Amino acid sequence: MTSMEHSTGIVCPLMVADIGQVLPMARLLQQRGAGRLWLGQSLRVETHQVFAALTGMGVRISMGSGVALAPLRHPYDAAMQARSVAALSGMPYVAGIGPAAPEFQRSLRKDSYAAPLAAMREYVSIMRRLLSGESVDFAGDHYQVRGRLVSQSHPGVELGLGVLRPRMARLAGAVADVAVTWMTPAHYLADTLVPALTEGATDADRPRPRVATMVHVAVARPGRDIRRTALAGAGAHLGAAHYTDMLRRAGVEAWPDDPAAGADALVKSGVFVSGSADDIARDLDAYRRSGVDEIALNPAGVIQSEGLGAAMTDLEEIFAALDRLHG
């Protein structure tokens, strides 16, 4: 089994409405004894409460938000939520944060962030100081806080930033522990994002953050239309300007007004990883060679088109193939 720093986990690609939607994935990772369970921002049952519920059911695995949306909570509350998951689970936690799309920001704030990078710098810096036990007196352009967290012992909390493009990668290099990426091609990570992370870390005189990448996967099976599966799993992201901009920078022709064509491009370029389970296991190594430390298998397409049972079959076969490949 590979180390946690070079592990393969799972991202549950659903806005969880019932714990049964995520429990099989959590149990699979618990049985394997390695790999992190990631959840994006759920607007049904709140992400951190899903993690707490799993812990209450006896699941003991590492978890991470990939990513929680900053406009939903003040960084003081974000720090409390993160350390609560770590304390209850008894396991290290990755608190991945993202600014969300400007439209979402405007739905909850007076306006969208005038300077998203500056806002995320403030957010993560406040969280880090609070989690380290400091008394914080800070007034920035986007956030302010005067206080400290009540003392509470807990396993380590790593701070992550959602990263798609070079400017956010440089910021993550300067302030984060983990760069969390979605749908990012392996060559784009190697050629663009990892160098930007390294540059940001070097300028800040600190180690480069680890890279955790969510990778769409689907085993090729008789009767399964991989392009339709890709559209089912990635269609929402393929309709978003910031994701399609990232893909075009990487040479993948995706435009927000044509998610179907974008799904075809994901499959053709190999960003949506398919084939036999053994093919997928080998293809995932391209991400590790590109500087990725942690891969999260994303079975969104299969879940959306065929259901959780089919997705679990895929995940089990891919993990078995990874074990055959790496021992």
C-alpha atoms as a PDB file:
ATOM      1  CA  MET A   1       0.000   0.000   0.000  1.00  0.00           C
ATOM      2  CA  THR A   2       1.324   3.431  -0.836  1.00  0.00           C
ATOM      3  CA  SER A   3       1.850   6.104   1.832  1.00  0.00           C
ATOM      4  CA  MET A   4      -0.858   8.641   2.703  1.00  0.00           C
ATOM      5  CA  GLU A   5       1.176  11.305   0.938  1.00  0.00           C
ATOM      6  CA  HIS A   6       0.923   9.306  -2.281  1.00  0.00           C
ATOM      7  CA  SER A   7      -2.448   7.670  -1.664  1.00  0.00           C
ATOM      8  CA  THR A   8      -5.578   7.229  -3.666  1.00  0.00           C
ATOM      9  CA  GLY A   9      -8.858   8.199  -2.045  1.00  0.00           C
ATOM     10  CA  ILE A  10     -12.401   8.955  -3.149  1.00  0.00           C
ATOM     11  CA  VAL A  11     -14.397  12.123  -3.634  1.00  0.00           C
ATOM     12  CA  CYS A  12     -18.117  11.699  -3.088  1.00  0.00           C
ATOM     13  CA  PRO A  13     -19.489  13.764  -5.982  1.00  0.00           C
ATOM     14  CA  LEU A  14     -22.952  14.325  -4.524  1.00  0.00           C
ATOM     15  CA  MET A  15     -24.576  17.051  -2.466  1.00  0.00           C
ATOM     16  CA  VAL A  16     -25.344  14.515   0.246  1.00  0.00           C
ATOM     17  CA  ALA A  17     -28.998  14.288   1.258  1.00  0.00           C
ATOM     18  CA  ASP A  18     -28.725  10.987   3.142  1.00  0.00           C
ATOM     19  CA  ILE A  19     -25.765   9.381   4.870  1.00  0.00           C
ATOM     20  CA  GLY A  20     -26.369   6.211   2.856  1.00  0.00           C
ATOM     21  CA  GLN A  21     -25.122   8.029  -0.247  1.00  0.00           C
ATOM     22  CA  VAL A  22     -21.619   8.368   1.159  1.00  0.00           C
ATOM     23  CA  LEU A  23     -21.297   5.580   3.736  1.00  0.00           C
ATOM     24  CA  PRO A  24     -20.300   2.816   1.234  1.00  0.00           C
ATOM     25  CA  MET A  25     -17.376   4.937  -0.013  1.00  0.00           C
ATOM     26  CA  ALA A  26     -16.276   5.686   3.550  1.00  0.00           C
ATOM     27  CA  ARG A  27     -16.498   2.012   4.500  1.00  0.00           C
ATOM     28  CA  LEU A  28     -14.451   0.997   1.446  1.00  0.00           C
ATOM     29  CA  LEU A  29     -11.646   3.347   2.471  1.00  0.00           C
ATOM     30  CA  GLN A  30     -11.847   2.141   6.063  1.00  0.00           C
ATOM     31  CA  GLN A  31     -11.515  -1.464   4.894  1.00  0.00           C
ATOM     32  CA  ARG A  32      -8.492  -0.545   2.803  1.00  0.00           C
ATOM     33  CA  GLY A  33      -6.842   1.277   5.698  1.00  0.00           C
ATOM     34  CA  ALA A  34      -5.681   4.141   3.469  1.00  0.00           C
ATOM     35  CA  GLY A  35      -7.014   6.978   1.368  1.00  0.00           C
ATOM     36  CA  ARG A  36      -8.957  10.105   2.197  1.00  0.00           C
ATOM     37  CA  LEU A  37     -12.666  10.723   1.730  1.00  0.00           C
ATOM     38  CA  TRP A  38     -13.314  14.089   0.124  1.00  0.00           C
ATOM     39  CA  LEU A  39     -16.573  15.989  -0.073  1.00  0.00           C
ATOM     40  CA  GLY A  40     -17.282  19.158  -1.966  1.00  0.00           C
ATOM     41  CA  GLN A  41     -19.633  21.789  -0.614  1.00  0.00           C
ATOM     42  CA  SER A  42     -23.029  20.247   0.034  1.00  0.00           C
ATOM     43  CA  LEU A  43     -25.992  22.593   0.107  1.00  0.00           C
ATOM     44  CA  ARG A  44     -28.252  19.778   1.329  1.00  0.00           C
ATOM     45  CA  VAL A  45     -26.776  18.119   4.428  1.00  0.00           C
ATOM     46  CA  GLU A  46     -23.849  20.381   5.294  1.00  0.00           C
ATOM     47  CA  THR A  47     -20.432  18.893   4.523  1.00  0.00           C
ATOM     48  CA  HIS A  48     -18.900  19.033   8.018  1.00  0.00           C
ATOM     49  CA  GLN A  49     -22.027  17.480   9.517  1.00  0.00           C
ATOM     50  CA  VAL A  50     -21.742  14.585   7.063  1.00  0.00           C
ATOM     51  CA  PHE A  51     -18.209  13.990   8.321  1.00  0.00           C
ATOM     52  CA  ALA A  52     -19.432  14.152  11.936  1.00  0.00           C
ATOM     53  CA  ALA A  53     -22.209  11.657  11.178  1.00  0.00           C
ATOM     54  CA  LEU A  54     -19.732   9.219   9.634  1.00  0.00           C
ATOM     55  CA  THR A  55     -17.557   9.514  12.706  1.00  0.00           C
ATOM     56  CA  GLY A  56     -20.571   8.805  14.908  1.00  0.00           C
ATOM     57  CA  MET A  57     -21.134   5.610  12.910  1.00  0.00           C
ATOM     58  CA  GLY A  58     -17.652   4.403  13.769  1.00  0.00           C
ATOM     59  CA  VAL A  59     -15.891   5.355  10.543  1.00  0.00           C
ATOM     60  CA  ARG A  60     -12.267   6.266  11.244  1.00  0.00           C
ATOM     61  CA  ILE A  61     -10.671   7.627   8.078  1.00  0.00           C
ATOM     62  CA  SER A  62      -8.974  10.830   7.023  1.00  0.00           C
ATOM     63  CA  MET A  63     -11.350  13.339   5.472  1.00  0.00           C
ATOM     64  CA  GLY A  64     -11.161  16.593   3.554  1.00  0.00           C
ATOM     65  CA  SER A  65     -13.338  19.313   2.081  1.00  0.00           C
ATOM     66  CA  GLY A  66     -12.635  19.762  -1.586  1.00  0.00           C
ATOM     67  CA  VAL A  67     -13.698  22.536  -1.340  1.00  0.00           C
ATOM     68  CA  ALA A  68     -15.883  24.325   1.222  1.00  0.00           C
ATOM     69  CA  LEU A  69     -17.111  27.677  -0.096  1.00  0.00           C
ATOM     70  CA  ALA A  70     -15.756  30.685   1.774  1.00  0.00           C
ATOM     71  CA  PRO A  71     -18.818  32.955   1.401  1.00  0.00           C
ATOM     72  CA  LEU A  72     -20.874  30.534   3.512  1.00  0.00           C
ATOM     73  CA  ARG A  73     -18.925  31.085   6.724  1.00  0.00           C
ATOM     74  CA  HIS A  74     -16.536  33.410   8.510  1.00  0.00           C
ATOM     75  CA  PRO A  75     -12.971  32.050   8.827  1.00  0.00           C
ATOM     76  CA  TYR A  76     -13.445  31.788  12.607  1.00  0.00           C
ATOM     77  CA  ASP A  77     -16.345  29.381  12.052  1.00  0.00           C
ATOM     78  CA  ALA A  78     -14.393  27.590   9.315  1.00  0.00           C
ATOM     79  CA  ALA A  79     -11.542  26.965  11.750  1.00  0.00           C
ATOM     80  CA  MET A  80     -13.996  25.637  14.352  1.00  0.00           C
ATOM     81  CA  GLN A  81     -15.650  23.330  11.831  1.00  0.00           C
ATOM     82  CA  ALA A  82     -12.321  21.956  10.630  1.00  0.00           C
ATOM     83  CA  ARG A  83     -10.904  21.213  14.049  1.00  0.00           C
ATOM     84  CA  SER A  84     -14.254  19.720  15.139  1.00  0.00           C
ATOM     85  CA  VAL A  85     -14.034  17.110  12.374  1.00  0.00           C
ATOM     86  CA  ALA A  86     -10.428  16.350  13.311  1.00  0.00           C
ATOM     87  CA  ALA A  87     -11.259  16.106  17.023  1.00  0.00           C
ATOM     88  CA  LEU A  88     -14.324  13.890  16.536  1.00  0.00           C
ATOM     89  CA  SER A  89     -12.737  11.586  13.958  1.00  0.00           C
ATOM     90  CA  GLY A  90      -9.368  11.389  15.682  1.00  0.00           C
ATOM     91  CA  MET A  91      -7.780  11.716  12.237  1.00  0.00           C
ATOM     92  CA  PRO A  92      -5.969  14.496  10.338  1.00  0.00           C
ATOM     93  CA  TYR A  93      -8.274  16.730   8.298  1.00  0.00           C
ATOM     94  CA  VAL A  94      -7.799  18.848   5.181  1.00  0.00           C
ATOM     95  CA  ALA A  95      -9.855  22.038   5.266  1.00  0.00           C
ATOM     96  CA  GLY A  96     -10.005  22.936   1.591  1.00  0.00           C
ATOM     97  CA  ILE A  97     -11.421  26.401   0.903  1.00  0.00           C
ATOM     98  CA  GLY A  98     -12.532  28.043  -2.322  1.00  0.00           C
ATOM     99  CA  PRO A  99     -13.926  31.487  -3.130  1.00  0.00           C
ATOM    100  CA  ALA A 100     -16.834  30.120  -5.267  1.00  0.00           C
ATOM    101  CA  ALA A 101     -18.012  31.673  -8.496  1.00  0.00           C
ATOM    102  CA  PRO A 102     -18.723  35.434  -8.438  1.00  0.00           C
ATOM    103  CA  GLU A 103     -22.455  34.737  -8.878  1.00  0.00           C
ATOM    104  CA  PHE A 104     -22.481  32.646  -5.703  1.00  0.00           C
ATOM    105  CA  GLN A 105     -20.484  35.292  -3.844  1.00  0.00           C
ATOM    106  CA  ARG A 106     -23.033  37.965  -4.800  1.00  0.00           C
ATOM    107  CA  SER A 107     -25.905  35.762  -3.642  1.00  0.00           C
ATOM    108  CA  LEU A 108     -24.567  35.819  -0.068  1.00  0.00           C
ATOM    109  CA  ARG A 109     -22.503  38.981   0.225  1.00  0.00           C
ATOM    110  CA  LYS A 110     -22.999  42.650  -0.459  1.00  0.00           C
ATOM    111  CA  ASP A 111     -20.936  42.086  -3.607  1.00  0.00           C
ATOM    112  CA  SER A 112     -18.496  39.608  -5.048  1.00  0.00           C
ATOM    113  CA  TYR A 113     -14.926  39.694  -3.778  1.00  0.00           C
ATOM    114  CA  ALA A 114     -13.239  42.762  -5.267  1.00  0.00           C
ATOM    115  CA  ALA A 115      -9.945  40.893  -5.032  1.00  0.00           C
ATOM    116  CA  PRO A 116     -10.559  37.109  -4.699  1.00  0.00           C
ATOM    117  CA  LEU A 117      -6.893  36.251  -4.189  1.00  0.00           C
ATOM    118  CA  ALA A 118      -6.541  38.818  -1.400  1.00  0.00           C
ATOM    119  CA  ALA A 119      -9.743  37.535   0.193  1.00  0.00           C
ATOM    120  CA  MET A 120      -8.448  33.950   0.195  1.00  0.00           C
ATOM    121  CA  ARG A 121      -5.086  35.062   1.577  1.00  0.00           C
ATOM    122  CA  GLU A 122      -6.881  36.741   4.484  1.00  0.00           C
ATOM    123  CA  TYR A 123      -9.214  33.790   4.998  1.00  0.00           C
ATOM    124  CA  VAL A 124      -6.546  31.109   5.137  1.00  0.00           C
ATOM    125  CA  SER A 125      -4.163  33.270   7.181  1.00  0.00           C
ATOM    126  CA  ILE A 126      -6.855  33.891   9.818  1.00  0.00           C
ATOM    127  CA  MET A 127      -7.702  30.195   9.968  1.00  0.00           C
ATOM    128  CA  ARG A 128      -4.045  29.228  10.365  1.00  0.00           C
ATOM    129  CA  ARG A 129      -3.460  31.656  13.217  1.00  0.00           C
ATOM    130  CA  LEU A 130      -6.632  30.580  15.030  1.00  0.00           C
ATOM    131  CA  LEU A 131      -5.836  26.884  14.634  1.00  0.00           C
ATOM    132  CA  SER A 132      -2.340  27.470  15.987  1.00  0.00           C
ATOM    133  CA  GLY A 133      -3.859  28.863  19.200  1.00  0.00           C
ATOM    134  CA  GLU A 134      -3.061  32.512  18.592  1.00  0.00           C
ATOM    135  CA  SER A 135      -5.131  35.399  19.823  1.00  0.00           C
ATOM    136  CA  VAL A 136      -5.909  37.209  16.568  1.00  0.00           C
ATOM    137  CA  ASP A 137      -6.575  40.895  16.124  1.00  0.00           C
ATOM    138  CA  PHE A 138      -6.915  41.420  12.393  1.00  0.00           C
ATOM    139  CA  ALA A 139      -8.825  43.858  10.214  1.00  0.00           C
ATOM    140  CA  GLY A 140      -8.395  43.297   6.483  1.00  0.00           C
ATOM    141  CA  ASP A 141     -10.182  44.451   3.394  1.00  0.00           C
ATOM    142  CA  HIS A 142     -12.460  41.395   3.384  1.00  0.00           C
ATOM    143  CA  TYR A 143     -12.445  39.853   6.864  1.00  0.00           C
ATOM    144  CA  GLN A 144     -11.852  40.899  10.412  1.00  0.00           C
ATOM    145  CA  VAL A 145     -11.566  39.003  13.666  1.00  0.00           C
ATOM    146  CA  ARG A 146     -10.679  39.799  17.238  1.00  0.00           C
ATOM    147  CA  GLY A 147     -10.370  36.734  19.410  1.00  0.00           C
ATOM    148  CA  ARG A 148      -9.092  33.199  19.693  1.00  0.00           C
ATOM    149  CA  LEU A 149     -10.491  29.691  19.656  1.00  0.00           C
ATOM    150  CA  VAL A 150     -11.309  28.096  22.989  1.00  0.00           C
ATOM    151  CA  SER A 151      -8.582  25.534  23.689  1.00  0.00           C
ATOM    152  CA  GLN A 152      -9.305  22.074  22.227  1.00  0.00           C
ATOM    153  CA  SER A 153      -6.881  19.261  21.481  1.00  0.00           C
ATOM    154  CA  HIS A 154      -7.224  17.670  18.038  1.00  0.00           C
ATOM    155  CA  PRO A 155      -5.218  15.950  15.299  1.00  0.00           C
ATOM    156  CA  GLY A 156      -3.612  18.148  12.670  1.00  0.00           C
ATOM    157  CA  VAL A 157      -5.627  20.315  10.312  1.00  0.00           C
ATOM    158  CA  GLU A 158      -4.087  21.129   6.937  1.00  0.00           C
ATOM    159  CA  LEU A 159      -5.350  24.173   5.084  1.00  0.00           C
ATOM    160  CA  GLY A 160      -6.110  23.815   1.406  1.00  0.00           C
ATOM    161  CA  LEU A 161      -7.045  26.123  -1.436  1.00  0.00           C
ATOM    162  CA  GLY A 162      -9.008  25.217  -4.525  1.00  0.00           C
ATOM    163  CA  VAL A 163      -6.634  25.772  -7.453  1.00  0.00           C
ATOM    164  CA  LEU A 164      -7.417  25.908 -11.164  1.00  0.00           C
ATOM    165  CA  ARG A 165      -5.185  28.647 -12.559  1.00  0.00           C
ATOM    166  CA  PRO A 166      -1.628  29.942 -12.022  1.00  0.00           C
ATOM    167  CA  ARG A 167      -2.422  32.991  -9.869  1.00  0.00           C
ATOM    168  CA  MET A 168      -4.321  30.949  -7.297  1.00  0.00           C
ATOM    169  CA  ALA A 169      -1.578  28.312  -7.481  1.00  0.00           C
ATOM    170  CA  ARG A 170       1.040  30.926  -6.573  1.00  0.00           C
ATOM    171  CA  LEU A 171      -1.120  32.052  -3.647  1.00  0.00           C
ATOM    172  CA  ALA A 172      -1.581  28.461  -2.498  1.00  0.00           C
ATOM    173  CA  GLY A 173       2.183  28.034  -2.649  1.00  0.00           C
ATOM    174  CA  ALA A 174       2.552  30.985  -0.301  1.00  0.00           C
ATOM    175  CA  VAL A 175      -0.171  30.230   2.274  1.00  0.00           C
ATOM    176  CA  ALA A 176      -1.675  26.724   1.956  1.00  0.00           C
ATOM    177  CA  ASP A 177      -0.669  23.194   2.903  1.00  0.00           C
ATOM    178  CA  VAL A 178      -2.608  21.515   0.089  1.00  0.00           C
ATOM    179  CA  ALA A 179      -3.601  22.632  -3.406  1.00  0.00           C
ATOM    180  CA  VAL A 180      -6.911  20.990  -4.328  1.00  0.00           C
ATOM    181  CA  THR A 181      -7.575  20.695  -8.068  1.00  0.00           C
ATOM    182  CA  TRP A 182     -10.559  19.414 -10.066  1.00  0.00           C
ATOM    183  CA  MET A 183     -10.533  18.150 -13.647  1.00  0.00           C
ATOM    184  CA  THR A 184      -6.992  19.439 -14.212  1.00  0.00           C
ATOM    185  CA  PRO A 185      -5.084  17.578 -16.974  1.00  0.00           C
ATOM    186  CA  ALA A 186      -1.844  15.917 -15.880  1.00  0.00           C
ATOM    187  CA  HIS A 187       0.328  17.887 -18.296  1.00  0.00           C
ATOM    188  CA  TYR A 188      -1.267  21.163 -17.153  1.00  0.00           C
ATOM    189  CA  LEU A 189      -0.406  20.302 -13.564  1.00  0.00           C
ATOM    190  CA  ALA A 190       3.189  19.506 -14.509  1.00  0.00           C
ATOM    191  CA  ASP A 191       3.754  22.456 -16.836  1.00  0.00           C
ATOM    192  CA  THR A 192       1.658  25.189 -15.217  1.00  0.00           C
ATOM    193  CA  LEU A 193       0.220  24.620 -11.746  1.00  0.00           C
ATOM    194  CA  VAL A 194       3.039  22.807  -9.960  1.00  0.00           C
ATOM    195  CA  PRO A 195       5.665  25.359 -11.142  1.00  0.00           C
ATOM    196  CA  ALA A 196       3.373  28.178  -9.966  1.00  0.00           C
ATOM    197  CA  LEU A 197       2.943  26.463  -6.588  1.00  0.00           C
ATOM    198  CA  THR A 198       6.704  26.081  -6.324  1.00  0.00           C
ATOM    199  CA  GLU A 199       7.227  29.729  -7.226  1.00  0.00           C
ATOM    200  CA  GLY A 200       4.772  30.889  -4.563  1.00  0.00           C
ATOM    201  CA  ALA A 201       6.336  28.653  -1.943  1.00  0.00           C
ATOM    202  CA  THR A 202       9.868  29.758  -2.822  1.00  0.00           C
ATOM    203  CA  ASP A 203       8.918  33.440  -2.605  1.00  0.00           C
ATOM    204  CA  ALA A 204       7.369  32.809   0.815  1.00  0.00           C
ATOM    205  CA  ASP A 205      10.346  30.684   1.951  1.00  0.00           C
ATOM    206  CA  ARG A 206       8.227  27.649   2.794  1.00  0.00           C
ATOM    207  CA  PRO A 207       7.752  24.103   1.489  1.00  0.00           C
ATOM    208  CA  ARG A 208       5.621  23.564  -1.600  1.00  0.00           C
ATOM    209  CA  PRO A 209       2.088  22.461  -0.693  1.00  0.00           C
ATOM    210  CA  ARG A 210       0.986  18.948  -1.465  1.00  0.00           C
ATOM    211  CA  VAL A 211      -1.281  18.543  -4.500  1.00  0.00           C
ATOM    212  CA  ALA A 212      -4.577  16.677  -4.248  1.00  0.00           C
ATOM    213  CA  THR A 213      -6.388  16.144  -7.549  1.00  0.00           C
ATOM    214  CA  MET A 214      -9.940  14.932  -8.162  1.00  0.00           C
ATOM    215  CA  VAL A 215      -9.936  12.703 -11.258  1.00  0.00           C
ATOM    216  CA  HIS A 216     -13.063  11.587 -13.132  1.00  0.00           C
ATOM    217  CA  VAL A 217     -13.031   7.819 -13.699  1.00  0.00           C
ATOM    218  CA  ALA A 218     -15.345   5.259 -15.281  1.00  0.00           C
ATOM    219  CA  VAL A 219     -14.589   1.660 -16.213  1.00  0.00           C
ATOM    220  CA  ALA A 220     -15.441   0.892 -19.850  1.00  0.00           C
ATOM    221  CA  ARG A 221     -18.173  -1.725 -19.976  1.00  0.00           C
ATOM    222  CA  PRO A 222     -20.449  -3.184 -22.665  1.00  0.00           C
ATOM    223  CA  GLY A 223     -23.384  -0.840 -23.160  1.00  0.00           C
ATOM    224  CA  ARG A 224     -21.798   2.044 -21.230  1.00  0.00           C
ATOM    225  CA  ASP A 225     -21.488   5.213 -23.335  1.00  0.00           C
ATOM    226  CA  ILE A 226     -18.400   6.887 -21.896  1.00  0.00           C
ATOM    227  CA  ARG A 227     -19.135  10.268 -23.488  1.00  0.00           C
ATOM    228  CA  ARG A 228     -22.629  10.326 -22.000  1.00  0.00           C
ATOM    229  CA  THR A 229     -21.158   9.206 -18.696  1.00  0.00           C
ATOM    230  CA  ALA A 230     -18.640  12.071 -18.826  1.00  0.00           C
ATOM    231  CA  LEU A 231     -21.389  14.590 -19.541  1.00  0.00           C
ATOM    232  CA  ALA A 232     -23.491  13.245 -16.665  1.00  0.00           C
ATOM    233  CA  GLY A 233     -20.586  13.582 -14.254  1.00  0.00           C
ATOM    234  CA  ALA A 234     -18.880  16.753 -15.446  1.00  0.00           C
ATOM    235  CA  GLY A 235     -21.656  18.672 -17.187  1.00  0.00           C
ATOM    236  CA  ALA A 236     -22.183  21.180 -14.368  1.00  0.00           C
ATOM    237  CA  HIS A 237     -18.484  22.073 -14.234  1.00  0.00           C
ATOM    238  CA  LEU A 238     -18.316  22.161 -18.021  1.00  0.00           C
ATOM    239  CA  GLY A 239     -20.969  24.880 -17.949  1.00  0.00           C
ATOM    240  CA  ALA A 240     -18.864  27.085 -15.657  1.00  0.00           C
ATOM    241  CA  ALA A 241     -16.597  29.765 -17.088  1.00  0.00           C
ATOM    242  CA  HIS A 242     -13.693  29.268 -14.660  1.00  0.00           C
ATOM    243  CA  TYR A 243     -13.460  25.514 -15.281  1.00  0.00           C
ATOM    244  CA  THR A 244     -13.682  25.788 -19.039  1.00  0.00           C
ATOM    245  CA  ASP A 245     -11.117  28.594 -19.052  1.00  0.00           C
ATOM    246  CA  MET A 246      -8.716  26.316 -17.183  1.00  0.00           C
ATOM    247  CA  LEU A 247      -9.340  23.490 -19.650  1.00  0.00           C
ATOM    248  CA  ARG A 248      -8.711  25.700 -22.675  1.00  0.00           C
ATOM    249  CA  ARG A 249      -5.458  26.881 -21.111  1.00  0.00           C
ATOM    250  CA  ALA A 250      -4.565  23.195 -20.997  1.00  0.00           C
ATOM    251  CA  GLY A 251      -5.485  22.686 -24.637  1.00  0.00           C
ATOM    252  CA  VAL A 252      -8.851  20.999 -24.022  1.00  0.00           C
ATOM    253  CA  GLU A 253     -11.585  22.633 -26.103  1.00  0.00           C
ATOM    254  CA  ALA A 254     -14.360  23.278 -23.586  1.00  0.00           C
ATOM    255  CA  TRP A 255     -16.784  26.213 -23.605  1.00  0.00           C
ATOM    256  CA  PRO A 256     -19.511  26.940 -21.062  1.00  0.00           C
ATOM    257  CA  ASP A 257     -22.223  27.197 -23.717  1.00  0.00           C
ATOM    258  CA  ASP A 258     -21.578  23.641 -24.979  1.00  0.00           C
ATOM    259  CA  PRO A 259     -21.023  21.145 -22.128  1.00  0.00           C
ATOM    260  CA  ALA A 260     -21.666  18.179 -24.439  1.00  0.00           C
ATOM    261  CA  ALA A 261     -18.735  19.117 -26.667  1.00  0.00           C
ATOM    262  CA  GLY A 262     -16.673  19.706 -23.544  1.00  0.00           C
ATOM    263  CA  ALA A 263     -17.476  16.193 -22.314  1.00  0.00           C
ATOM    264  CA  ASP A 264     -16.323  14.770 -25.650  1.00  0.00           C
ATOM    265  CA  ALA A 265     -13.092  16.755 -25.297  1.00  0.00           C
ATOM    266  CA  LEU A 266     -12.562  15.423 -21.749  1.00  0.00           C
ATOM    267  CA  VAL A 267     -12.820  11.850 -22.992  1.00  0.00           C
ATOM    268  CA  LYS A 268     -10.671  12.425 -26.074  1.00  0.00           C
ATOM    269  CA  SER A 269      -7.925  14.138 -24.049  1.00  0.00           C
ATOM    270  CA  GLY A 270      -7.950  11.518 -21.314  1.00  0.00           C
ATOM    271  CA  VAL A 271      -8.921  13.978 -18.590  1.00  0.00           C
ATOM    272  CA  PHE A 272     -11.951  11.754 -18.079  1.00  0.00           C
ATOM    273  CA  VAL A 273     -10.050   8.531 -17.390  1.00  0.00           C
ATOM    274  CA  SER A 274     -11.673   5.396 -18.773  1.00  0.00           C
ATOM    275  CA  GLY A 275     -10.817   1.960 -20.096  1.00  0.00           C
ATOM    276  CA  SER A 276     -10.382  -1.242 -18.136  1.00  0.00           C
ATOM    277  CA  ALA A 277      -9.652  -0.963 -14.425  1.00  0.00           C
ATOM    278  CA  ASP A 278      -6.021  -1.825 -15.175  1.00  0.00           C
ATOM    279  CA  ASP A 279      -5.891   0.870 -17.877  1.00  0.00           C
ATOM    280  CA  ILE A 280      -7.219   3.413 -15.393  1.00  0.00           C
ATOM    281  CA  ALA A 281      -4.678   2.394 -12.748  1.00  0.00           C
ATOM    282  CA  ARG A 282      -1.834   2.899 -15.221  1.00  0.00           C
ATOM    283  CA  ASP A 283      -3.223   6.216 -16.481  1.00  0.00           C
ATOM    284  CA  LEU A 284      -3.464   7.570 -12.938  1.00  0.00           C
ATOM    285  CA  ASP A 285       0.316   7.287 -12.667  1.00  0.00           C
ATOM    286  CA  ALA A 286       0.572  10.195 -15.124  1.00  0.00           C
ATOM    287  CA  TYR A 287      -0.819  12.405 -12.361  1.00  0.00           C
ATOM    288  CA  ARG A 288       1.756  11.207  -9.868  1.00  0.00           C
ATOM    289  CA  ARG A 289       4.530  11.866 -12.378  1.00  0.00           C
ATOM    290  CA  SER A 290       3.108  15.372 -12.816  1.00  0.00           C
ATOM    291  CA  GLY A 291       3.617  16.208  -9.142  1.00  0.00           C
ATOM    292  CA  VAL A 292       0.314  15.052  -7.651  1.00  0.00           C
ATOM    293  CA  ASP A 293       0.630  13.658  -4.137  1.00  0.00           C
ATOM    294  CA  GLU A 294      -2.924  12.525  -3.547  1.00  0.00           C
ATOM    295  CA  ILE A 295      -5.524  11.353  -6.087  1.00  0.00           C
ATOM    296  CA  ALA A 296      -9.234  11.226  -5.350  1.00  0.00           C
ATOM    297  CA  LEU A 297     -11.239   8.989  -7.655  1.00  0.00           C
ATOM    298  CA  ASN A 298     -14.360  10.819  -8.820  1.00  0.00           C
ATOM    299  CA  PRO A 299     -17.120   8.406  -9.941  1.00  0.00           C
ATOM    300  CA  ALA A 300     -19.604  11.215 -10.649  1.00  0.00           C
ATOM    301  CA  GLY A 301     -20.488  10.105 -14.163  1.00  0.00           C
ATOM    302  CA  VAL A 302     -21.400   6.567 -13.158  1.00  0.00           C
ATOM    303  CA  ILE A 303     -23.308   7.654 -10.046  1.00  0.00           C
ATOM    304  CA  GLN A 304     -25.352  10.162 -12.025  1.00  0.00           C
ATOM    305  CA  SER A 305     -26.111   7.818 -14.922  1.00  0.00           C
ATOM    306  CA  GLU A 306     -26.274   4.363 -13.303  1.00  0.00           C
ATOM    307  CA  GLY A 307     -26.447   4.798  -9.539  1.00  0.00           C
ATOM    308  CA  LEU A 308     -24.313   4.228  -6.465  1.00  0.00           C
ATOM    309  CA  GLY A 309     -24.069   0.456  -6.825  1.00  0.00           C
ATOM    310  CA  ALA A 310     -22.482   0.698 -10.267  1.00  0.00           C
ATOM    311  CA  ALA A 311     -20.089   3.378  -9.025  1.00  0.00           C
ATOM    312  CA  MET A 312     -19.006   1.219  -6.081  1.00  0.00           C
ATOM    313  CA  THR A 313     -18.283  -1.668  -8.448  1.00  0.00           C
ATOM    314  CA  ASP A 314     -16.052   0.646 -10.491  1.00  0.00           C
ATOM    315  CA  LEU A 315     -14.232   1.914  -7.402  1.00  0.00           C
ATOM    316  CA  GLU A 316     -13.609  -1.581  -6.049  1.00  0.00           C
ATOM    317  CA  GLU A 317     -12.226  -2.750  -9.398  1.00  0.00           C
ATOM    318  CA  ILE A 318      -9.978   0.304  -9.772  1.00  0.00           C
ATOM    319  CA  PHE A 319      -8.560  -0.121  -6.271  1.00  0.00           C
ATOM    320  CA  ALA A 320      -7.908  -3.800  -6.977  1.00  0.00           C
ATOM    321  CA  ALA A 321      -6.093  -2.795 -10.172  1.00  0.00           C
ATOM    322  CA  LEU A 322      -4.033  -0.222  -8.270  1.00  0.00           C
ATOM    323  CA  ASP A 323      -3.046  -2.914  -5.772  1.00  0.00           C
ATOM    324  CA  ARG A 324      -1.987  -5.199  -8.608  1.00  0.00           C
ATOM    325  CA  LEU A 325       0.053  -2.419 -10.175  1.00  0.00           C
ATOM    326  CA  HIS A 326       1.743  -1.060  -7.063  1.00  0.00           C
ATOM    327  CA  GLY A 327       1.576  -3.892  -4.566  1.00  0.00           C
END
